[in-house]
Amino acid sequence: MEDETVLVMIVQQYAAKYGITFSSKHLDDPNKKAQLISLIQQAISGKRGPVTDDDLQ
């Protein structure tokens, strides 16, 4: 499976649980994207709450 496909699946799962709570512009920055994916995975697994733009500053 391609990375982008996995990313879309993770974001869809996150959005179903929390809605979108962060700016999609962070997906354009490779460093922020990696951080965002990690935070989203933590949120989906219940280790944290929703991800916000403040988390990515």
PDB file of N, CA and C in Angstrom:
ATOM      1  N   MET A   1       0.844  -1.178   0.000  1.00  0.00           N
ATOM      2  CA  MET A   1       0.000   0.000   0.000  1.00  0.00           C
ATOM      3  C   MET A   1       0.895   1.249   0.000  1.00  0.00           C
ATOM      4  N   GLU A   2       0.527   2.250  -0.732  1.00  0.00           N
ATOM      5  CA  GLU A   2       1.309   3.479  -0.798  1.00  0.00           C
ATOM      6  C   GLU A   2       1.153   4.296   0.483  1.00  0.00           C
ATOM      7  N   ASP A   3       2.178   5.095   0.770  1.00  0.00           N
ATOM      8  CA  ASP A   3       2.169   5.933   1.969  1.00  0.00           C
ATOM      9  C   ASP A   3       0.961   6.859   2.005  1.00  0.00           C
ATOM     10  N   GLU A   4       0.632   7.446   0.854  1.00  0.00           N
ATOM     11  CA  GLU A   4      -0.497   8.383   0.820  1.00  0.00           C
ATOM     12  C   GLU A   4      -1.815   7.669   1.108  1.00  0.00           C
ATOM     13  N   THR A   5      -1.948   6.450   0.653  1.00  0.00           N
ATOM     14  CA  THR A   5      -3.160   5.681   0.921  1.00  0.00           C
ATOM     15  C   THR A   5      -3.297   5.406   2.412  1.00  0.00           C
ATOM     16  N   VAL A   6      -2.187   5.041   3.032  1.00  0.00           N
ATOM     17  CA  VAL A   6      -2.189   4.800   4.480  1.00  0.00           C
ATOM     18  C   VAL A   6      -2.527   6.088   5.214  1.00  0.00           C
ATOM     19  N   LEU A   7      -1.931   7.193   4.776  1.00  0.00           N
ATOM     20  CA  LEU A   7      -2.202   8.488   5.395  1.00  0.00           C
ATOM     21  C   LEU A   7      -3.684   8.821   5.322  1.00  0.00           C
ATOM     22  N   VAL A   8      -4.282   8.645   4.176  1.00  0.00           N
ATOM     23  CA  VAL A   8      -5.712   8.940   4.002  1.00  0.00           C
ATOM     24  C   VAL A   8      -6.550   8.063   4.934  1.00  0.00           C
ATOM     25  N   MET A   9      -6.195   6.810   5.048  1.00  0.00           N
ATOM     26  CA  MET A   9      -6.944   5.903   5.912  1.00  0.00           C
ATOM     27  C   MET A   9      -6.840   6.330   7.378  1.00  0.00           C
ATOM     28  N   ILE A  10      -5.637   6.730   7.804  1.00  0.00           N
ATOM     29  CA  ILE A  10      -5.436   7.172   9.183  1.00  0.00           C
ATOM     30  C   ILE A  10      -6.219   8.451   9.455  1.00  0.00           C
ATOM     31  N   VAL A  11      -6.140   9.403   8.530  1.00  0.00           N
ATOM     32  CA  VAL A  11      -6.861  10.672   8.711  1.00  0.00           C
ATOM     33  C   VAL A  11      -8.370  10.431   8.717  1.00  0.00           C
ATOM     34  N   GLN A  12      -8.858   9.545   7.876  1.00  0.00           N
ATOM     35  CA  GLN A  12     -10.298   9.243   7.859  1.00  0.00           C
ATOM     36  C   GLN A  12     -10.738   8.628   9.188  1.00  0.00           C
ATOM     37  N   GLN A  13      -9.931   7.733   9.715  1.00  0.00           N
ATOM     38  CA  GLN A  13     -10.260   7.102  10.994  1.00  0.00           C
ATOM     39  C   GLN A  13     -10.256   8.155  12.107  1.00  0.00           C
ATOM     40  N   TYR A  14      -9.266   9.039  12.083  1.00  0.00           N
ATOM     41  CA  TYR A  14      -9.179  10.113  13.076  1.00  0.00           C
ATOM     42  C   TYR A  14     -10.384  11.047  12.954  1.00  0.00           C
ATOM     43  N   ALA A  15     -10.702  11.442  11.720  1.00  0.00           N
ATOM     44  CA  ALA A  15     -11.808  12.372  11.487  1.00  0.00           C
ATOM     45  C   ALA A  15     -13.144  11.780  11.936  1.00  0.00           C
ATOM     46  N   ALA A  16     -13.310  10.483  11.772  1.00  0.00           N
ATOM     47  CA  ALA A  16     -14.545   9.839  12.215  1.00  0.00           C
ATOM     48  C   ALA A  16     -14.692   9.929  13.731  1.00  0.00           C
ATOM     49  N   LYS A  17     -13.567   9.933  14.425  1.00  0.00           N
ATOM     50  CA  LYS A  17     -13.600   9.977  15.884  1.00  0.00           C
ATOM     51  C   LYS A  17     -13.672  11.406  16.426  1.00  0.00           C
ATOM     52  N   TYR A  18     -12.890  12.327  15.831  1.00  0.00           N
ATOM     53  CA  TYR A  18     -12.764  13.678  16.374  1.00  0.00           C
ATOM     54  C   TYR A  18     -13.208  14.792  15.438  1.00  0.00           C
ATOM     55  N   GLY A  19     -13.424  14.496  14.179  1.00  0.00           N
ATOM     56  CA  GLY A  19     -13.581  15.568  13.202  1.00  0.00           C
ATOM     57  C   GLY A  19     -12.177  16.064  12.864  1.00  0.00           C
ATOM     58  N   ILE A  20     -12.058  17.026  12.028  1.00  0.00           N
ATOM     59  CA  ILE A  20     -10.731  17.568  11.706  1.00  0.00           C
ATOM     60  C   ILE A  20     -10.480  18.747  12.630  1.00  0.00           C
ATOM     61  N   THR A  21      -9.416  18.648  13.405  1.00  0.00           N
ATOM     62  CA  THR A  21      -9.124  19.653  14.422  1.00  0.00           C
ATOM     63  C   THR A  21      -7.786  20.342  14.190  1.00  0.00           C
ATOM     64  N   PHE A  22      -7.192  20.112  13.013  1.00  0.00           N
ATOM     65  CA  PHE A  22      -5.901  20.705  12.679  1.00  0.00           C
ATOM     66  C   PHE A  22      -5.936  21.163  11.234  1.00  0.00           C
ATOM     67  N   SER A  23      -5.023  22.056  10.873  1.00  0.00           N
ATOM     68  CA  SER A  23      -4.962  22.581   9.520  1.00  0.00           C
ATOM     69  C   SER A  23      -4.258  21.587   8.595  1.00  0.00           C
ATOM     70  N   SER A  24      -4.836  21.328   7.451  1.00  0.00           N
ATOM     71  CA  SER A  24      -4.246  20.379   6.507  1.00  0.00           C
ATOM     72  C   SER A  24      -2.926  20.883   5.913  1.00  0.00           C
ATOM     73  N   LYS A  25      -2.609  22.163   6.087  1.00  0.00           N
ATOM     74  CA  LYS A  25      -1.342  22.689   5.561  1.00  0.00           C
ATOM     75  C   LYS A  25      -0.144  21.968   6.182  1.00  0.00           C
ATOM     76  N   HIS A  26      -0.312  21.395   7.368  1.00  0.00           N
ATOM     77  CA  HIS A  26       0.778  20.688   8.023  1.00  0.00           C
ATOM     78  C   HIS A  26       1.169  19.417   7.261  1.00  0.00           C
ATOM     79  N   LEU A  27       0.286  18.911   6.437  1.00  0.00           N
ATOM     80  CA  LEU A  27       0.593  17.718   5.645  1.00  0.00           C
ATOM     81  C   LEU A  27       1.572  18.013   4.507  1.00  0.00           C
ATOM     82  N   ASP A  28       1.773  19.288   4.183  1.00  0.00           N
ATOM     83  CA  ASP A  28       2.701  19.674   3.119  1.00  0.00           C
ATOM     84  C   ASP A  28       4.148  19.728   3.593  1.00  0.00           C
ATOM     85  N   ASP A  29       4.355  19.850   4.888  1.00  0.00           N
ATOM     86  CA  ASP A  29       5.696  19.917   5.470  1.00  0.00           C
ATOM     87  C   ASP A  29       6.090  18.513   5.935  1.00  0.00           C
ATOM     88  N   PRO A  30       7.156  17.931   5.366  1.00  0.00           N
ATOM     89  CA  PRO A  30       7.524  16.543   5.707  1.00  0.00           C
ATOM     90  C   PRO A  30       7.760  16.325   7.204  1.00  0.00           C
ATOM     91  N   ASN A  31       8.367  17.283   7.892  1.00  0.00           N
ATOM     92  CA  ASN A  31       8.623  17.116   9.329  1.00  0.00           C
ATOM     93  C   ASN A  31       7.333  17.189  10.135  1.00  0.00           C
ATOM     94  N   LYS A  32       6.503  18.150   9.799  1.00  0.00           N
ATOM     95  CA  LYS A  32       5.215  18.289  10.494  1.00  0.00           C
ATOM     96  C   LYS A  32       4.310  17.100  10.172  1.00  0.00           C
ATOM     97  N   LYS A  33       4.411  16.609   8.947  1.00  0.00           N
ATOM     98  CA  LYS A  33       3.588  15.479   8.523  1.00  0.00           C
ATOM     99  C   LYS A  33       3.899  14.247   9.374  1.00  0.00           C
ATOM    100  N   ALA A  34       5.182  13.986   9.594  1.00  0.00           N
ATOM    101  CA  ALA A  34       5.584  12.838  10.416  1.00  0.00           C
ATOM    102  C   ALA A  34       5.085  13.011  11.847  1.00  0.00           C
ATOM    103  N   GLN A  35       5.219  14.217  12.378  1.00  0.00           N
ATOM    104  CA  GLN A  35       4.748  14.505  13.734  1.00  0.00           C
ATOM    105  C   GLN A  35       3.227  14.357  13.804  1.00  0.00           C
ATOM    106  N   LEU A  36       2.551  14.868  12.798  1.00  0.00           N
ATOM    107  CA  LEU A  36       1.090  14.800  12.752  1.00  0.00           C
ATOM    108  C   LEU A  36       0.610  13.350  12.716  1.00  0.00           C
ATOM    109  N   ILE A  37       1.231  12.535  11.896  1.00  0.00           N
ATOM    110  CA  ILE A  37       0.837  11.127  11.801  1.00  0.00           C
ATOM    111  C   ILE A  37       1.008  10.438  13.151  1.00  0.00           C
ATOM    112  N   SER A  38       2.111  10.720  13.819  1.00  0.00           N
ATOM    113  CA  SER A  38       2.356  10.129  15.136  1.00  0.00           C
ATOM    114  C   SER A  38       1.281  10.562  16.133  1.00  0.00           C
ATOM    115  N   LEU A  39       0.961  11.854  16.147  1.00  0.00           N
ATOM    116  CA  LEU A  39      -0.059  12.364  17.066  1.00  0.00           C
ATOM    117  C   LEU A  39      -1.437  11.785  16.752  1.00  0.00           C
ATOM    118  N   ILE A  40      -1.754  11.665  15.471  1.00  0.00           N
ATOM    119  CA  ILE A  40      -3.041  11.088  15.066  1.00  0.00           C
ATOM    120  C   ILE A  40      -3.137   9.640  15.534  1.00  0.00           C
ATOM    121  N   GLN A  41      -2.059   8.883  15.363  1.00  0.00           N
ATOM    122  CA  GLN A  41      -2.066   7.492  15.801  1.00  0.00           C
ATOM    123  C   GLN A  41      -2.261   7.391  17.315  1.00  0.00           C
ATOM    124  N   GLN A  42      -1.639   8.297  18.062  1.00  0.00           N
ATOM    125  CA  GLN A  42      -1.827   8.310  19.510  1.00  0.00           C
ATOM    126  C   GLN A  42      -3.278   8.633  19.871  1.00  0.00           C
ATOM    127  N   ALA A  43      -3.868   9.579  19.148  1.00  0.00           N
ATOM    128  CA  ALA A  43      -5.259   9.963  19.417  1.00  0.00           C
ATOM    129  C   ALA A  43      -6.210   8.807  19.108  1.00  0.00           C
ATOM    130  N   ILE A  44      -5.997   8.149  17.989  1.00  0.00           N
ATOM    131  CA  ILE A  44      -6.860   7.030  17.603  1.00  0.00           C
ATOM    132  C   ILE A  44      -6.788   5.912  18.645  1.00  0.00           C
ATOM    133  N   SER A  45      -5.593   5.691  19.188  1.00  0.00           N
ATOM    134  CA  SER A  45      -5.427   4.606  20.161  1.00  0.00           C
ATOM    135  C   SER A  45      -5.848   4.997  21.574  1.00  0.00           C
ATOM    136  N   GLY A  46      -6.259   6.252  21.748  1.00  0.00           N
ATOM    137  CA  GLY A  46      -6.750   6.698  23.043  1.00  0.00           C
ATOM    138  C   GLY A  46      -5.674   7.190  23.996  1.00  0.00           C
ATOM    139  N   LYS A  47      -4.453   7.362  23.518  1.00  0.00           N
ATOM    140  CA  LYS A  47      -3.352   7.816  24.370  1.00  0.00           C
ATOM    141  C   LYS A  47      -3.334   9.330  24.546  1.00  0.00           C
ATOM    142  N   ARG A  48      -4.135  10.030  23.756  1.00  0.00           N
ATOM    143  CA  ARG A  48      -4.232  11.486  23.855  1.00  0.00           C
ATOM    144  C   ARG A  48      -5.565  11.917  23.268  1.00  0.00           C
ATOM    145  N   GLY A  49      -5.882  13.190  23.404  1.00  0.00           N
ATOM    146  CA  GLY A  49      -7.106  13.739  22.835  1.00  0.00           C
ATOM    147  C   GLY A  49      -6.861  14.213  21.416  1.00  0.00           C
ATOM    148  N   PRO A  50      -7.745  15.032  20.904  1.00  0.00           N
ATOM    149  CA  PRO A  50      -7.633  15.528  19.533  1.00  0.00           C
ATOM    150  C   PRO A  50      -6.335  16.306  19.300  1.00  0.00           C
ATOM    151  N   VAL A  51      -5.862  16.268  18.087  1.00  0.00           N
ATOM    152  CA  VAL A  51      -4.661  16.987  17.672  1.00  0.00           C
ATOM    153  C   VAL A  51      -5.088  18.386  17.203  1.00  0.00           C
ATOM    154  N   THR A  52      -4.386  19.406  17.665  1.00  0.00           N
ATOM    155  CA  THR A  52      -4.684  20.765  17.247  1.00  0.00           C
ATOM    156  C   THR A  52      -3.445  21.394  16.599  1.00  0.00           C
ATOM    157  N   ASP A  53      -3.631  22.527  15.962  1.00  0.00           N
ATOM    158  CA  ASP A  53      -2.496  23.234  15.366  1.00  0.00           C
ATOM    159  C   ASP A  53      -1.447  23.578  16.419  1.00  0.00           C
ATOM    160  N   ASP A  54      -1.858  23.864  17.645  1.00  0.00           N
ATOM    161  CA  ASP A  54      -0.923  24.181  18.720  1.00  0.00           C
ATOM    162  C   ASP A  54       0.038  23.027  18.995  1.00  0.00           C
ATOM    163  N   ASP A  55      -0.420  21.797  18.806  1.00  0.00           N
ATOM    164  CA  ASP A  55       0.444  20.629  19.016  1.00  0.00           C
ATOM    165  C   ASP A  55       1.574  20.570  17.988  1.00  0.00           C
ATOM    166  N   LEU A  56       1.394  21.236  16.879  1.00  0.00           N
ATOM    167  CA  LEU A  56       2.352  21.144  15.773  1.00  0.00           C
ATOM    168  C   LEU A  56       3.243  22.377  15.662  1.00  0.00           C
ATOM    169  N   GLN A  57       3.221  23.247  16.638  1.00  0.00           N
ATOM    170  CA  GLN A  57       4.056  24.455  16.609  1.00  0.00           C
ATOM    171  C   GLN A  57       5.452  24.172  17.082  1.00  0.00           C
TER     172      GLN A  57
END
